[in-house]
Protein backbone atom coordinates (compact mmCIF):
# COMPACT_ATOMS: atom_id res chain seq x y z
CA MET A 1 0.00 0.00 0.00
CA ASP A 2 1.39 3.38 -1.05
CA SER A 3 -0.61 5.72 1.18
CA ARG A 4 1.13 8.79 -0.29
CA ARG A 5 -1.44 8.70 -3.10
CA ASN A 6 -4.46 8.50 -0.79
CA LYS A 7 -6.65 11.62 -0.92
CA LEU A 8 -9.14 13.03 1.57
CA CYS A 9 -11.29 16.01 0.53
CA LEU A 10 -13.65 17.68 3.01
CA TRP A 11 -16.81 19.71 2.52
CA ARG A 12 -19.29 20.86 5.12
CA ASP A 13 -21.68 17.94 4.48
CA CYS A 14 -19.51 15.40 2.68
CA VAL A 15 -16.09 13.72 2.59
CA LEU A 16 -14.42 12.16 -0.46
CA TYR A 17 -11.75 9.51 0.08
CA LEU A 18 -9.70 8.09 -2.79
CA GLY A 19 -7.22 5.43 -1.79
CA ASP A 20 -6.42 2.02 -0.50
CA SER A 21 -9.00 0.02 1.40
CA PHE A 22 -8.73 -0.16 5.16
CA ASP A 23 -8.41 -3.16 7.41
CA PRO A 24 -11.57 -5.15 6.63
CA GLU A 25 -12.77 -5.63 10.19
CA LEU A 26 -16.43 -5.16 11.06
CA HIS A 27 -17.09 -1.62 12.25
CA ARG A 28 -19.83 1.02 12.22
CA HIS A 29 -19.94 4.79 12.17
CA HIS A 30 -22.35 7.68 11.95
CA ALA A 31 -21.75 8.45 8.27
CA VAL A 32 -23.40 6.91 5.22
CA GLN A 33 -20.83 5.47 2.80
CA CYS A 34 -21.13 5.45 -1.00
CA CYS A 35 -18.35 3.19 -2.32
CA ILE A 36 -16.94 2.58 -5.80
CA ALA A 37 -14.19 0.14 -6.80
CA LEU A 38 -11.65 1.86 -9.05
CA GLU A 39 -10.45 -1.56 -10.18
CA GLY A 40 -12.01 -4.98 -9.81
CA LYS A 41 -14.76 -5.49 -7.25
CA LEU A 42 -15.40 -4.47 -3.69
CA GLN A 43 -15.85 -7.14 -1.06
CA ILE A 44 -18.48 -6.14 1.49
CA ARG A 45 -19.72 -7.94 4.56
CA SER A 46 -22.36 -6.79 7.02
CA HIS A 47 -23.46 -8.21 10.35
CA PRO A 48 -24.67 -10.96 10.81
CA HIS A 49 -23.44 -12.31 7.44
CA GLU A 50 -20.20 -14.28 7.60
CA GLN A 51 -19.36 -14.18 3.89
CA PHE A 52 -18.16 -11.23 1.83
CA GLU A 53 -20.29 -10.29 -1.18
CA GLU A 54 -18.77 -8.77 -4.32
CA CYS A 55 -20.00 -5.68 -6.14
CA THR A 56 -18.66 -2.71 -8.09
CA SER A 57 -20.37 -0.11 -5.90
CA ALA A 58 -22.40 0.06 -2.70
CA VAL A 59 -24.28 2.34 -0.34
CA ILE A 60 -23.96 1.52 3.35
CA GLY A 61 -26.30 3.24 5.78
CA ALA A 62 -25.22 4.99 8.95
CA ASN A 63 -24.58 2.80 12.00
CA VAL A 64 -24.62 -0.41 9.93
CA SER A 65 -21.96 -2.89 11.02
CA HIS A 66 -19.86 -3.63 7.91
CA ALA A 67 -16.44 -4.44 6.48
CA ILE A 68 -15.14 -3.30 3.08
CA ALA A 69 -12.10 -4.46 1.13
CA ASN A 70 -10.89 -4.03 -2.42
CA PRO A 71 -8.04 -6.47 -2.98
CA ASP A 72 -7.86 -5.45 -6.66
CA GLY A 73 -6.90 -1.82 -6.08
CA PRO A 74 -7.98 1.53 -4.71
CA LEU A 75 -11.52 2.62 -4.00
CA CYS A 76 -13.57 5.78 -3.74
CA ILE A 77 -15.71 6.40 -0.68
CA ILE A 78 -18.06 9.33 -0.25
CA TYR A 79 -19.17 9.83 3.35
CA LEU A 80 -22.52 11.60 3.79
CA GLU A 81 -24.64 12.76 6.69
CA LYS A 82 -27.61 10.43 7.12
CA ASN A 83 -29.99 13.42 7.01
CA SER A 84 -28.46 14.93 3.86
CA ALA A 85 -30.38 15.75 0.71
CA ASP A 86 -27.87 13.66 -1.25
CA TYR A 87 -28.64 10.52 0.78
CA SER A 88 -32.40 11.15 0.53
CA SER A 89 -32.03 11.50 -3.23
CA ILE A 90 -30.10 8.22 -3.43
CA LEU A 91 -32.75 6.41 -1.38
CA ASP A 92 -35.52 7.88 -3.56
CA PHE A 93 -33.80 6.71 -6.74
CA GLN A 94 -33.23 3.22 -5.30
CA GLY A 95 -36.89 2.99 -4.21
CA VAL A 96 -36.11 2.93 -0.49
CA SER A 97 -38.53 4.88 1.70
CA THR A 98 -37.20 7.46 4.14
CA GLU A 99 -38.40 5.30 7.05
CA GLN A 100 -36.10 2.55 5.78
CA GLY A 101 -33.19 5.01 5.55
CA LEU A 102 -31.42 3.39 8.47
CA ARG A 103 -30.93 0.11 6.66
CA ALA A 104 -29.68 -3.06 8.28
CA ASN A 105 -28.10 -4.26 5.01
CA PRO A 106 -26.00 -2.39 2.46
CA LEU A 107 -27.31 -1.67 -1.04
CA LEU A 108 -24.94 -3.55 -3.36
CA PHE A 109 -24.66 -2.85 -7.08
CA ASP A 110 -22.87 -4.48 -9.98
CA THR A 111 -23.36 -1.34 -12.01
CA LYS A 112 -21.76 -0.84 -15.39
CA PHE A 113 -20.76 2.74 -14.84
CA SER A 114 -18.96 5.13 -17.08
CA GLY A 115 -15.40 4.15 -17.94
CA SER A 116 -14.65 7.86 -17.96
CA LEU A 117 -15.70 8.15 -14.30
CA ARG A 118 -13.48 5.23 -13.29
CA ALA A 119 -10.63 6.72 -15.35
CA ALA A 120 -11.11 10.15 -13.74
CA LEU A 121 -11.10 8.63 -10.26
CA ALA A 122 -8.00 6.56 -11.04
CA SER A 123 -6.24 9.62 -12.45
CA ALA A 124 -7.11 11.66 -9.35
CA TYR A 125 -5.74 8.86 -7.18
CA GLU A 126 -2.45 8.83 -9.10
CA SER A 127 -1.90 12.59 -9.24
CA SER A 128 -2.65 15.81 -7.40
CA LEU A 129 -6.25 16.89 -7.01
CA ASP A 130 -7.34 20.52 -6.83
CA PRO A 131 -10.59 21.61 -5.12
CA THR A 132 -12.48 22.15 -8.39
CA GLU A 133 -11.58 18.67 -9.66
CA ALA A 134 -12.48 17.15 -6.29
CA ASN A 135 -15.89 18.82 -6.34
CA ASP A 136 -16.51 17.61 -9.91
CA LEU A 137 -15.61 14.02 -8.94
CA ARG A 138 -17.86 14.19 -5.89
CA GLU A 139 -20.79 15.30 -8.04
CA ARG A 140 -20.14 12.67 -10.71
CA CYS A 141 -19.99 9.90 -8.09
CA LEU A 142 -23.18 11.06 -6.40
CA GLN A 143 -24.91 11.19 -9.81
CA LEU A 144 -24.05 7.50 -10.24
CA PHE A 145 -25.95 6.64 -7.06
CA ARG A 146 -28.80 9.13 -7.67
CA GLY A 147 -29.31 7.98 -11.24
CA HIS A 148 -28.91 11.47 -12.75
């Protein structure tokens, strides 16, 4: 792992992480996670499931016990507030009611998403990232999960 390339970009209501996956131990936190594999597939496990499931992208609700790994390469994670308009928009697009917003299981997708988005994320991981580029990537990733 070459953590020198890992990126963390902060906004008032959102965090964008581009980099290596963390230790895949079960954990939970207050933020919603929107995850994208830059290469290969993510491996995601949630309590009480013992086995990892594979997908190219996922949305994990706040306070959901989970573990994420991407043995094939870096990943992109967008952390959102559980009360954010972005998360509500994602749930609306996925057909999940607001009452179900605190999900016990992650939403897993094997989405064929734009090669240009994956290439842009990979490029940002490999090089420097200015605030305008970071904001553009954040919006493009959220559009993937919101369906527009």
